[in-house]
Structures are given as C-alpha cells and as structure tokens.
Amino acid sequence: MFDIGVNLTSSQFSRDRDDVVARAFSAGISGMLITGTNQAESEEAQKLTQRYPHCWSTAGVHPHDSSSWTPEVAEAIHQLAQLPEVVAVGECGLDFNRNFSTPQEQEAAFSAQLAIAAELNMPVFMHCREAHERFIALLEPWLGKLPGAVLHCFTGTQDELRECLEHGLYIGITGWVCDERRGLELRDMLPLIPAERLLVETDAPWLLPRDLSPKPSSRRNEPAHLTHILERIAHWRGEDVQTLSAMTDNNVRTLFGIDF
C-alpha cells in the first residue's frame, strides 16, 4: 500500500525520521509520496527521496504559503518539478478556512501552479478547504491540459465529492474518516468513490486515527498507520483489504507514472 501524503519534512520527524521510515516499510507500506508545501519544503522533500528508497515527492506551494509566491519561487518550483523523483506539482489549491494568505494570493499561486503542471504535463496534488466553488472554477479550465489530479485529504460534502468525481479527480482519504466526532459524514460517502479513483494517505504527522487501539503515547501520526486506515476504509466500503490495496496501488501508478 502506497501513502500519497506524508509530510516527512516536518520538524516532528527531525529526531527519528529514519526510524519512522523503517517502521512504515516494516508495516507493509510499499512507497511514499513526500509532500512539498513551499519552496524550502519542496527542496527538502526532493532531497529525502535521495535518502530513502521507494519515495517520491511533490513540488509546490500550499495555499497557506501563497503569500510567498514570487517569480523566483515559480522558477524554483518549475525546476524542481523536472527532476525525476518529483512526480506532481503541489501541494496547491485554496484554503478559505484560515486564510493565512489572502484569497487573492491563494488564487494567483494556485493558477500559476496549474499552468506549470500543464506546461510540464504533470499531475497536480491539491488541497481544498471551504473553497470548493472557487476551487472548481479555477481548476476546470486546466483539466483538459493535465494528465491527472488528486484532491488530497478530502473532507467535503457529498455534493462536492460528486462534482470532483464528475471532473475526473482522484480522491485522497486520510485517517479523518476514523474520527467518530467529525468523520462520520465522510465515512458514509466512502462507497460513492469508485475504487479506480481512490487513493489513501496518512497526511502524517497530522490526523492520527482516533480509533487506533492501543492508542499511541504521542498524537503524532506516522505512515505506518496507513495499514489501519486502509483496513477501516475497506471495512466501511464492504471490500477485501488486499483487493482494495492493490487497486489503490494501481491508481498511484496510473496517476503519478511511477513503479514501486
């Protein structure tokens, strides 16, 4: 099983990163996509792919960091995206929940990254929170020019899910679905996602599954917990775990063009 969203550059992993990666592969993880969220993190993510086998990375600027978008940053992302280990542009998109960058800054950075992905014929790794209508409006004109796109860590409504699927997006599901307080709506939507459009991720170190037993002493999430997340997703979809794991792995190969 392949984890499409690991924030391995996080300072939460600075003391034991090697152990975290080792635990992931011991738990049955077959590969990981290390997320780039700004220029520095994207550069570090690419370096980590050199350090760990079966790892790839993204290069992009998260909506929270959109205020940092400049022509120089754009050029750096453009150059990074052409390296063989970098298989998607992003994490990019819109987040109108916190607005750490203004909506205008977010929209400009998102559109610029869609243009880079289209130019380089690369898929996009996207984020959307409380911005669905504007997100789709900005994305739609580019979809015919992109080889693929995933909306990672989907937490939207059923109508938003349906529209994302109608636009051909892959859907990334995290341990959010294991949260009995806020993940029940998403849990009910799992059967609506075609298996050939489903991807799984931890978004580590964030979103530790709340139903892990025994509960870890730390609230830090790790890619090793993807096994639990996939098992729960398969259960709620009424599917065999191994079959679903093989399908999601095949989706990774199709979207990102990698072999692992």
C-alpha atoms as a PDB file:
ATOM      1  CA  MET A   1       0.000   0.000   0.000  1.00  0.00           C
ATOM      2  CA  PHE A   2       1.265   3.433  -1.007  1.00  0.00           C
ATOM      3  CA  ASP A   3       0.916   6.556   1.160  1.00  0.00           C
ATOM      4  CA  ILE A   4       0.326   9.505  -1.162  1.00  0.00           C
ATOM      5  CA  GLY A   5       0.626  12.155   1.556  1.00  0.00           C
ATOM      6  CA  VAL A   6       3.487  12.197   4.047  1.00  0.00           C
ATOM      7  CA  ASN A   7       4.853  15.485   5.423  1.00  0.00           C
ATOM      8  CA  LEU A   8       8.199  13.865   6.111  1.00  0.00           C
ATOM      9  CA  THR A   9       9.973  17.229   6.183  1.00  0.00           C
ATOM     10  CA  SER A  10       8.039  18.180   9.336  1.00  0.00           C
ATOM     11  CA  SER A  11      10.114  19.071  12.376  1.00  0.00           C
ATOM     12  CA  GLN A  12       8.055  16.472  14.254  1.00  0.00           C
ATOM     13  CA  PHE A  13      10.164  13.855  12.476  1.00  0.00           C
ATOM     14  CA  SER A  14      13.518  15.568  12.928  1.00  0.00           C
ATOM     15  CA  ARG A  15      14.695  13.338  15.781  1.00  0.00           C
ATOM     16  CA  ASP A  16      13.700   9.922  14.435  1.00  0.00           C
ATOM     17  CA  ARG A  17      12.987  10.245  10.719  1.00  0.00           C
ATOM     18  CA  ASP A  18      14.975   7.120   9.840  1.00  0.00           C
ATOM     19  CA  ASP A  19      13.016   5.097  12.391  1.00  0.00           C
ATOM     20  CA  VAL A  20       9.695   6.458  11.117  1.00  0.00           C
ATOM     21  CA  VAL A  21      10.518   5.382   7.572  1.00  0.00           C
ATOM     22  CA  ALA A  22      11.755   1.986   8.745  1.00  0.00           C
ATOM     23  CA  ARG A  23       8.536   1.411  10.717  1.00  0.00           C
ATOM     24  CA  ALA A  24       6.472   2.327   7.671  1.00  0.00           C
ATOM     25  CA  PHE A  25       8.089  -0.252   5.433  1.00  0.00           C
ATOM     26  CA  SER A  26       8.025  -2.850   8.212  1.00  0.00           C
ATOM     27  CA  ALA A  27       4.271  -2.258   8.474  1.00  0.00           C
ATOM     28  CA  GLY A  28       3.797  -3.099   4.809  1.00  0.00           C
ATOM     29  CA  ILE A  29       3.981   0.318   3.168  1.00  0.00           C
ATOM     30  CA  SER A  30       5.255  -0.109  -0.394  1.00  0.00           C
ATOM     31  CA  GLY A  31       6.070   3.529  -1.115  1.00  0.00           C
ATOM     32  CA  MET A  32       5.511   7.119  -0.045  1.00  0.00           C
ATOM     33  CA  LEU A  33       4.931  10.479  -1.664  1.00  0.00           C
ATOM     34  CA  ILE A  34       6.627  13.218   0.369  1.00  0.00           C
ATOM     35  CA  THR A  35       4.690  16.452   0.280  1.00  0.00           C
ATOM     36  CA  GLY A  36       6.226  19.790  -0.672  1.00  0.00           C
ATOM     37  CA  THR A  37       4.347  22.784   0.724  1.00  0.00           C
ATOM     38  CA  ASN A  38       6.631  25.721  -0.109  1.00  0.00           C
ATOM     39  CA  GLN A  39       9.940  26.211  -1.890  1.00  0.00           C
ATOM     40  CA  ALA A  40      12.149  25.157   1.017  1.00  0.00           C
ATOM     41  CA  GLU A  41       9.981  22.164   1.967  1.00  0.00           C
ATOM     42  CA  SER A  42       9.760  21.077  -1.672  1.00  0.00           C
ATOM     43  CA  GLU A  43      13.537  21.187  -1.979  1.00  0.00           C
ATOM     44  CA  GLU A  44      13.913  19.202   1.245  1.00  0.00           C
ATOM     45  CA  ALA A  45      11.278  16.686   0.158  1.00  0.00           C
ATOM     46  CA  GLN A  46      13.192  16.016  -3.041  1.00  0.00           C
ATOM     47  CA  LYS A  47      16.407  15.527  -1.066  1.00  0.00           C
ATOM     48  CA  LEU A  48      14.677  12.984   1.152  1.00  0.00           C
ATOM     49  CA  THR A  49      13.784  10.921  -1.915  1.00  0.00           C
ATOM     50  CA  GLN A  50      17.535  10.514  -2.429  1.00  0.00           C
ATOM     51  CA  ARG A  51      17.904   9.282   1.128  1.00  0.00           C
ATOM     52  CA  TYR A  52      15.063   6.777   1.220  1.00  0.00           C
ATOM     53  CA  PRO A  53      14.186   4.173  -1.422  1.00  0.00           C
ATOM     54  CA  HIS A  54      10.633   3.848  -2.763  1.00  0.00           C
ATOM     55  CA  CYS A  55       9.950   7.516  -2.050  1.00  0.00           C
ATOM     56  CA  TRP A  56       8.937  10.290  -4.430  1.00  0.00           C
ATOM     57  CA  SER A  57       7.950  13.903  -3.807  1.00  0.00           C
ATOM     58  CA  THR A  58       5.817  16.820  -4.902  1.00  0.00           C
ATOM     59  CA  ALA A  59       6.927  20.396  -5.529  1.00  0.00           C
ATOM     60  CA  GLY A  60       4.605  23.272  -4.859  1.00  0.00           C
ATOM     61  CA  VAL A  61       3.266  25.980  -2.577  1.00  0.00           C
ATOM     62  CA  HIS A  62       0.396  25.279  -0.179  1.00  0.00           C
ATOM     63  CA  PRO A  63      -2.398  27.872  -0.039  1.00  0.00           C
ATOM     64  CA  HIS A  64      -1.255  28.824   3.469  1.00  0.00           C
ATOM     65  CA  ASP A  65       2.090  29.860   1.980  1.00  0.00           C
ATOM     66  CA  SER A  66       0.709  31.542  -1.130  1.00  0.00           C
ATOM     67  CA  SER A  67       1.857  34.974   0.042  1.00  0.00           C
ATOM     68  CA  SER A  68       5.411  33.734  -0.614  1.00  0.00           C
ATOM     69  CA  TRP A  69       4.705  33.195  -4.328  1.00  0.00           C
ATOM     70  CA  THR A  70       7.078  35.241  -6.478  1.00  0.00           C
ATOM     71  CA  PRO A  71       8.600  34.815  -9.935  1.00  0.00           C
ATOM     72  CA  GLU A  72      11.681  33.407  -8.207  1.00  0.00           C
ATOM     73  CA  VAL A  73       9.630  30.821  -6.308  1.00  0.00           C
ATOM     74  CA  ALA A  74       7.779  29.947  -9.500  1.00  0.00           C
ATOM     75  CA  GLU A  75      11.078  29.298 -11.272  1.00  0.00           C
ATOM     76  CA  ALA A  76      12.350  27.170  -8.389  1.00  0.00           C
ATOM     77  CA  ILE A  77       9.172  25.025  -8.429  1.00  0.00           C
ATOM     78  CA  HIS A  78       9.404  24.758 -12.205  1.00  0.00           C
ATOM     79  CA  GLN A  79      12.975  23.494 -11.973  1.00  0.00           C
ATOM     80  CA  LEU A  80      12.239  21.087  -9.120  1.00  0.00           C
ATOM     81  CA  ALA A  81       9.267  19.633 -10.952  1.00  0.00           C
ATOM     82  CA  GLN A  82      11.517  18.488 -13.769  1.00  0.00           C
ATOM     83  CA  LEU A  83      13.595  16.233 -11.513  1.00  0.00           C
ATOM     84  CA  PRO A  84      12.780  12.522 -11.908  1.00  0.00           C
ATOM     85  CA  GLU A  85      11.863  11.997  -8.250  1.00  0.00           C
ATOM     86  CA  VAL A  86       9.269  14.788  -8.333  1.00  0.00           C
ATOM     87  CA  VAL A  87       6.055  13.339  -9.734  1.00  0.00           C
ATOM     88  CA  ALA A  88       3.417  16.025  -9.080  1.00  0.00           C
ATOM     89  CA  VAL A  89       3.025  19.775  -8.764  1.00  0.00           C
ATOM     90  CA  GLY A  90       1.636  20.789  -5.382  1.00  0.00           C
ATOM     91  CA  GLU A  91       0.511  20.839  -2.684  1.00  0.00           C
ATOM     92  CA  CYS A  92      -1.509  23.640  -4.217  1.00  0.00           C
ATOM     93  CA  GLY A  93      -5.076  24.843  -4.002  1.00  0.00           C
ATOM     94  CA  LEU A  94      -7.304  27.002  -1.836  1.00  0.00           C
ATOM     95  CA  ASP A  95      -7.992  27.198   1.898  1.00  0.00           C
ATOM     96  CA  PHE A  96     -10.591  29.800   2.849  1.00  0.00           C
ATOM     97  CA  ASN A  97     -10.935  28.357   6.355  1.00  0.00           C
ATOM     98  CA  ARG A  98      -7.863  30.038   7.811  1.00  0.00           C
ATOM     99  CA  ASN A  99      -6.771  32.470   5.108  1.00  0.00           C
ATOM    100  CA  PHE A 100      -3.151  32.536   6.261  1.00  0.00           C
ATOM    101  CA  SER A 101      -2.660  34.028   2.797  1.00  0.00           C
ATOM    102  CA  THR A 102      -5.359  36.204   1.261  1.00  0.00           C
ATOM    103  CA  PRO A 103      -7.833  34.588  -1.144  1.00  0.00           C
ATOM    104  CA  GLN A 104      -6.343  36.662  -3.943  1.00  0.00           C
ATOM    105  CA  GLU A 105      -2.830  35.414  -3.161  1.00  0.00           C
ATOM    106  CA  GLN A 106      -4.091  31.846  -2.969  1.00  0.00           C
ATOM    107  CA  GLU A 107      -5.874  32.063  -6.299  1.00  0.00           C
ATOM    108  CA  ALA A 108      -2.840  33.546  -8.032  1.00  0.00           C
ATOM    109  CA  ALA A 109      -0.467  30.867  -6.695  1.00  0.00           C
ATOM    110  CA  PHE A 110      -2.916  28.058  -7.483  1.00  0.00           C
ATOM    111  CA  SER A 111      -3.452  29.210 -11.053  1.00  0.00           C
ATOM    112  CA  ALA A 112       0.279  29.650 -11.603  1.00  0.00           C
ATOM    113  CA  GLN A 113       0.974  26.113 -10.386  1.00  0.00           C
ATOM    114  CA  LEU A 114      -1.750  24.686 -12.619  1.00  0.00           C
ATOM    115  CA  ALA A 115      -0.003  26.415 -15.511  1.00  0.00           C
ATOM    116  CA  ILE A 116       3.341  24.861 -14.538  1.00  0.00           C
ATOM    117  CA  ALA A 117       1.782  21.411 -14.319  1.00  0.00           C
ATOM    118  CA  ALA A 118       0.119  21.819 -17.705  1.00  0.00           C
ATOM    119  CA  GLU A 119       3.359  23.004 -19.298  1.00  0.00           C
ATOM    120  CA  LEU A 120       5.291  20.044 -17.898  1.00  0.00           C
ATOM    121  CA  ASN A 121       2.445  17.539 -18.427  1.00  0.00           C
ATOM    122  CA  MET A 122       2.414  16.634 -14.739  1.00  0.00           C
ATOM    123  CA  PRO A 123      -0.418  15.728 -12.355  1.00  0.00           C
ATOM    124  CA  VAL A 124      -1.380  18.087  -9.553  1.00  0.00           C
ATOM    125  CA  PHE A 125      -1.624  17.342  -5.831  1.00  0.00           C
ATOM    126  CA  MET A 126      -4.300  19.631  -4.458  1.00  0.00           C
ATOM    127  CA  HIS A 127      -5.806  20.999  -1.245  1.00  0.00           C
ATOM    128  CA  CYS A 128      -9.272  22.497  -0.844  1.00  0.00           C
ATOM    129  CA  ARG A 129     -10.949  23.592   2.356  1.00  0.00           C
ATOM    130  CA  GLU A 130     -14.119  25.684   2.463  1.00  0.00           C
ATOM    131  CA  ALA A 131     -13.403  26.946  -1.048  1.00  0.00           C
ATOM    132  CA  HIS A 132     -14.997  24.339  -3.305  1.00  0.00           C
ATOM    133  CA  GLU A 133     -16.876  26.591  -5.715  1.00  0.00           C
ATOM    134  CA  ARG A 134     -13.874  28.808  -6.423  1.00  0.00           C
ATOM    135  CA  PHE A 135     -11.536  25.804  -6.447  1.00  0.00           C
ATOM    136  CA  ILE A 136     -13.525  24.111  -9.215  1.00  0.00           C
ATOM    137  CA  ALA A 137     -13.883  27.352 -11.161  1.00  0.00           C
ATOM    138  CA  LEU A 138     -10.104  27.880 -11.255  1.00  0.00           C
ATOM    139  CA  LEU A 139      -9.288  24.204 -11.872  1.00  0.00           C
ATOM    140  CA  GLU A 140     -11.829  23.383 -14.586  1.00  0.00           C
ATOM    141  CA  PRO A 141     -10.173  25.250 -17.489  1.00  0.00           C
ATOM    142  CA  TRP A 142      -6.934  23.324 -16.902  1.00  0.00           C
ATOM    143  CA  LEU A 143      -8.272  19.804 -16.555  1.00  0.00           C
ATOM    144  CA  GLY A 144      -8.031  19.029 -20.263  1.00  0.00           C
ATOM    145  CA  LYS A 145      -4.363  20.047 -20.186  1.00  0.00           C
ATOM    146  CA  LEU A 146      -3.378  17.925 -17.184  1.00  0.00           C
ATOM    147  CA  PRO A 147      -2.633  14.187 -17.149  1.00  0.00           C
ATOM    148  CA  GLY A 148      -4.401  13.822 -13.802  1.00  0.00           C
ATOM    149  CA  ALA A 149      -5.242  15.433 -10.483  1.00  0.00           C
ATOM    150  CA  VAL A 150      -5.884  14.369  -6.912  1.00  0.00           C
ATOM    151  CA  LEU A 151      -7.727  16.258  -4.217  1.00  0.00           C
ATOM    152  CA  HIS A 152      -5.873  15.065  -1.170  1.00  0.00           C
ATOM    153  CA  CYS A 153      -7.390  14.750   2.313  1.00  0.00           C
ATOM    154  CA  PHE A 154     -10.945  15.125   1.060  1.00  0.00           C
ATOM    155  CA  THR A 155     -13.326  16.306   3.811  1.00  0.00           C
ATOM    156  CA  GLY A 156     -16.053  17.970   1.771  1.00  0.00           C
ATOM    157  CA  THR A 157     -19.767  17.327   1.304  1.00  0.00           C
ATOM    158  CA  GLN A 158     -21.451  14.665  -0.795  1.00  0.00           C
ATOM    159  CA  ASP A 159     -22.324  17.222  -3.474  1.00  0.00           C
ATOM    160  CA  GLU A 160     -18.700  18.387  -3.558  1.00  0.00           C
ATOM    161  CA  LEU A 161     -17.498  14.801  -3.838  1.00  0.00           C
ATOM    162  CA  ARG A 162     -19.858  14.155  -6.716  1.00  0.00           C
ATOM    163  CA  GLU A 163     -18.645  17.247  -8.566  1.00  0.00           C
ATOM    164  CA  CYS A 164     -15.000  16.322  -8.017  1.00  0.00           C
ATOM    165  CA  LEU A 165     -15.631  12.850  -9.422  1.00  0.00           C
ATOM    166  CA  GLU A 166     -17.535  14.293 -12.380  1.00  0.00           C
ATOM    167  CA  HIS A 167     -14.428  16.358 -13.143  1.00  0.00           C
ATOM    168  CA  GLY A 168     -12.247  13.240 -13.130  1.00  0.00           C
ATOM    169  CA  LEU A 169     -10.379  13.881  -9.882  1.00  0.00           C
ATOM    170  CA  TYR A 170      -8.809  11.187  -7.755  1.00  0.00           C
ATOM    171  CA  ILE A 171      -9.853  11.403  -4.113  1.00  0.00           C
ATOM    172  CA  GLY A 172      -7.362  11.064  -1.237  1.00  0.00           C
ATOM    173  CA  ILE A 173      -8.762   9.674   2.008  1.00  0.00           C
ATOM    174  CA  THR A 174      -6.948  10.041   5.344  1.00  0.00           C
ATOM    175  CA  GLY A 175      -7.475   8.982   8.944  1.00  0.00           C
ATOM    176  CA  TRP A 176     -10.048  11.788   9.179  1.00  0.00           C
ATOM    177  CA  VAL A 177     -12.509   9.029   8.301  1.00  0.00           C
ATOM    178  CA  CYS A 178     -11.572   7.261  11.562  1.00  0.00           C
ATOM    179  CA  ASP A 179     -12.723  10.216  13.672  1.00  0.00           C
ATOM    180  CA  GLU A 180     -16.065   9.467  15.329  1.00  0.00           C
ATOM    181  CA  ARG A 181     -16.605  13.197  16.007  1.00  0.00           C
ATOM    182  CA  ARG A 182     -16.158  14.722  12.571  1.00  0.00           C
ATOM    183  CA  GLY A 183     -15.517  11.866  10.129  1.00  0.00           C
ATOM    184  CA  LEU A 184     -18.906  10.151  10.067  1.00  0.00           C
ATOM    185  CA  GLU A 185     -20.224  12.021   7.014  1.00  0.00           C
ATOM    186  CA  LEU A 186     -17.099  11.133   5.069  1.00  0.00           C
ATOM    187  CA  ARG A 187     -17.356   7.525   6.257  1.00  0.00           C
ATOM    188  CA  ASP A 188     -20.852   7.300   4.783  1.00  0.00           C
ATOM    189  CA  MET A 189     -19.553   8.652   1.468  1.00  0.00           C
ATOM    190  CA  LEU A 190     -16.795   6.073   1.043  1.00  0.00           C
ATOM    191  CA  PRO A 191     -18.899   3.684  -1.080  1.00  0.00           C
ATOM    192  CA  LEU A 192     -19.604   6.543  -3.515  1.00  0.00           C
ATOM    193  CA  ILE A 193     -15.927   6.753  -4.541  1.00  0.00           C
ATOM    194  CA  PRO A 194     -15.141   4.388  -7.421  1.00  0.00           C
ATOM    195  CA  ALA A 195     -12.258   2.090  -6.470  1.00  0.00           C
ATOM    196  CA  GLU A 196     -10.335   3.243  -9.542  1.00  0.00           C
ATOM    197  CA  ARG A 197     -10.403   6.843  -8.246  1.00  0.00           C
ATOM    198  CA  LEU A 198      -9.480   6.195  -4.613  1.00  0.00           C
ATOM    199  CA  LEU A 199      -6.095   6.967  -3.043  1.00  0.00           C
ATOM    200  CA  VAL A 200      -5.076   6.537   0.595  1.00  0.00           C
ATOM    201  CA  GLU A 201      -2.819   8.630   2.779  1.00  0.00           C
ATOM    202  CA  THR A 202      -1.902   9.462   6.349  1.00  0.00           C
ATOM    203  CA  ASP A 203      -1.056  13.174   5.970  1.00  0.00           C
ATOM    204  CA  ALA A 204       1.455  12.379   8.725  1.00  0.00           C
ATOM    205  CA  PRO A 205       2.304  13.832  11.194  1.00  0.00           C
ATOM    206  CA  TRP A 206      -1.257  15.184  11.185  1.00  0.00           C
ATOM    207  CA  LEU A 207      -4.600  13.369  11.548  1.00  0.00           C
ATOM    208  CA  LEU A 208      -3.678  10.465  13.787  1.00  0.00           C
ATOM    209  CA  PRO A 209      -6.593   7.981  13.515  1.00  0.00           C
ATOM    210  CA  ARG A 210      -8.632   8.349  16.700  1.00  0.00           C
ATOM    211  CA  ASP A 211      -9.723   4.719  16.722  1.00  0.00           C
ATOM    212  CA  LEU A 212      -6.254   3.188  16.937  1.00  0.00           C
ATOM    213  CA  SER A 213      -6.011   0.566  19.645  1.00  0.00           C
ATOM    214  CA  PRO A 214      -3.904   0.645  21.672  1.00  0.00           C
ATOM    215  CA  LYS A 215      -3.645   4.410  21.384  1.00  0.00           C
ATOM    216  CA  PRO A 216      -0.107   5.693  20.732  1.00  0.00           C
ATOM    217  CA  SER A 217       1.511   7.665  23.525  1.00  0.00           C
ATOM    218  CA  SER A 218       2.077  10.501  21.079  1.00  0.00           C
ATOM    219  CA  ARG A 219      -0.549  12.304  18.981  1.00  0.00           C
ATOM    220  CA  ARG A 220       1.877  12.267  16.061  1.00  0.00           C
ATOM    221  CA  ASN A 221       0.691  10.314  13.057  1.00  0.00           C
ATOM    222  CA  GLU A 222       3.091   8.102  11.098  1.00  0.00           C
ATOM    223  CA  PRO A 223       2.936   6.469   7.658  1.00  0.00           C
ATOM    224  CA  ALA A 224       2.987   3.080   9.403  1.00  0.00           C
ATOM    225  CA  HIS A 225      -0.625   3.795  10.418  1.00  0.00           C
ATOM    226  CA  LEU A 226      -1.755   3.642   6.789  1.00  0.00           C
ATOM    227  CA  THR A 227      -2.354  -0.078   7.300  1.00  0.00           C
ATOM    228  CA  HIS A 228      -5.030   0.719   9.876  1.00  0.00           C
ATOM    229  CA  ILE A 229      -6.593   3.443   7.728  1.00  0.00           C
ATOM    230  CA  LEU A 230      -6.824   1.180   4.685  1.00  0.00           C
ATOM    231  CA  GLU A 231      -8.335  -1.634   6.752  1.00  0.00           C
ATOM    232  CA  ARG A 232     -11.038   0.676   8.091  1.00  0.00           C
ATOM    233  CA  ILE A 233     -11.779   2.111   4.644  1.00  0.00           C
ATOM    234  CA  ALA A 234     -12.125  -1.404   3.213  1.00  0.00           C
ATOM    235  CA  HIS A 235     -14.426  -2.372   6.095  1.00  0.00           C
ATOM    236  CA  TRP A 236     -16.728   0.615   5.608  1.00  0.00           C
ATOM    237  CA  ARG A 237     -16.776   0.069   1.841  1.00  0.00           C
ATOM    238  CA  GLY A 238     -17.510  -3.643   2.300  1.00  0.00           C
ATOM    239  CA  GLU A 239     -14.425  -4.674   0.332  1.00  0.00           C
ATOM    240  CA  ASP A 240     -11.489  -7.008   0.750  1.00  0.00           C
ATOM    241  CA  VAL A 241      -8.429  -5.243   2.154  1.00  0.00           C
ATOM    242  CA  GLN A 242      -5.928  -6.844  -0.213  1.00  0.00           C
ATOM    243  CA  THR A 243      -8.073  -6.151  -3.252  1.00  0.00           C
ATOM    244  CA  LEU A 244      -8.507  -2.512  -2.276  1.00  0.00           C
ATOM    245  CA  SER A 245      -4.797  -2.162  -1.517  1.00  0.00           C
ATOM    246  CA  ALA A 246      -3.915  -3.495  -4.971  1.00  0.00           C
ATOM    247  CA  MET A 247      -6.404  -1.132  -6.604  1.00  0.00           C
ATOM    248  CA  THR A 248      -5.127   1.957  -4.790  1.00  0.00           C
ATOM    249  CA  ASP A 249      -1.546   0.999  -5.636  1.00  0.00           C
ATOM    250  CA  ASN A 250      -2.532   0.696  -9.285  1.00  0.00           C
ATOM    251  CA  ASN A 251      -4.152   4.129  -9.078  1.00  0.00           C
ATOM    252  CA  VAL A 252      -0.844   5.547  -7.817  1.00  0.00           C
ATOM    253  CA  ARG A 253       0.975   4.044 -10.786  1.00  0.00           C
ATOM    254  CA  THR A 254      -1.605   5.423 -13.201  1.00  0.00           C
ATOM    255  CA  LEU A 255      -1.738   8.942 -11.771  1.00  0.00           C
ATOM    256  CA  PHE A 256       1.909   9.533 -10.949  1.00  0.00           C
ATOM    257  CA  GLY A 257       3.529   7.279 -13.540  1.00  0.00           C
ATOM    258  CA  ILE A 258       5.810   5.522 -11.055  1.00  0.00           C
ATOM    259  CA  ASP A 259       6.703   1.921 -10.358  1.00  0.00           C
ATOM    260  CA  PHE A 260       7.325   0.586  -6.876  1.00  0.00           C
END
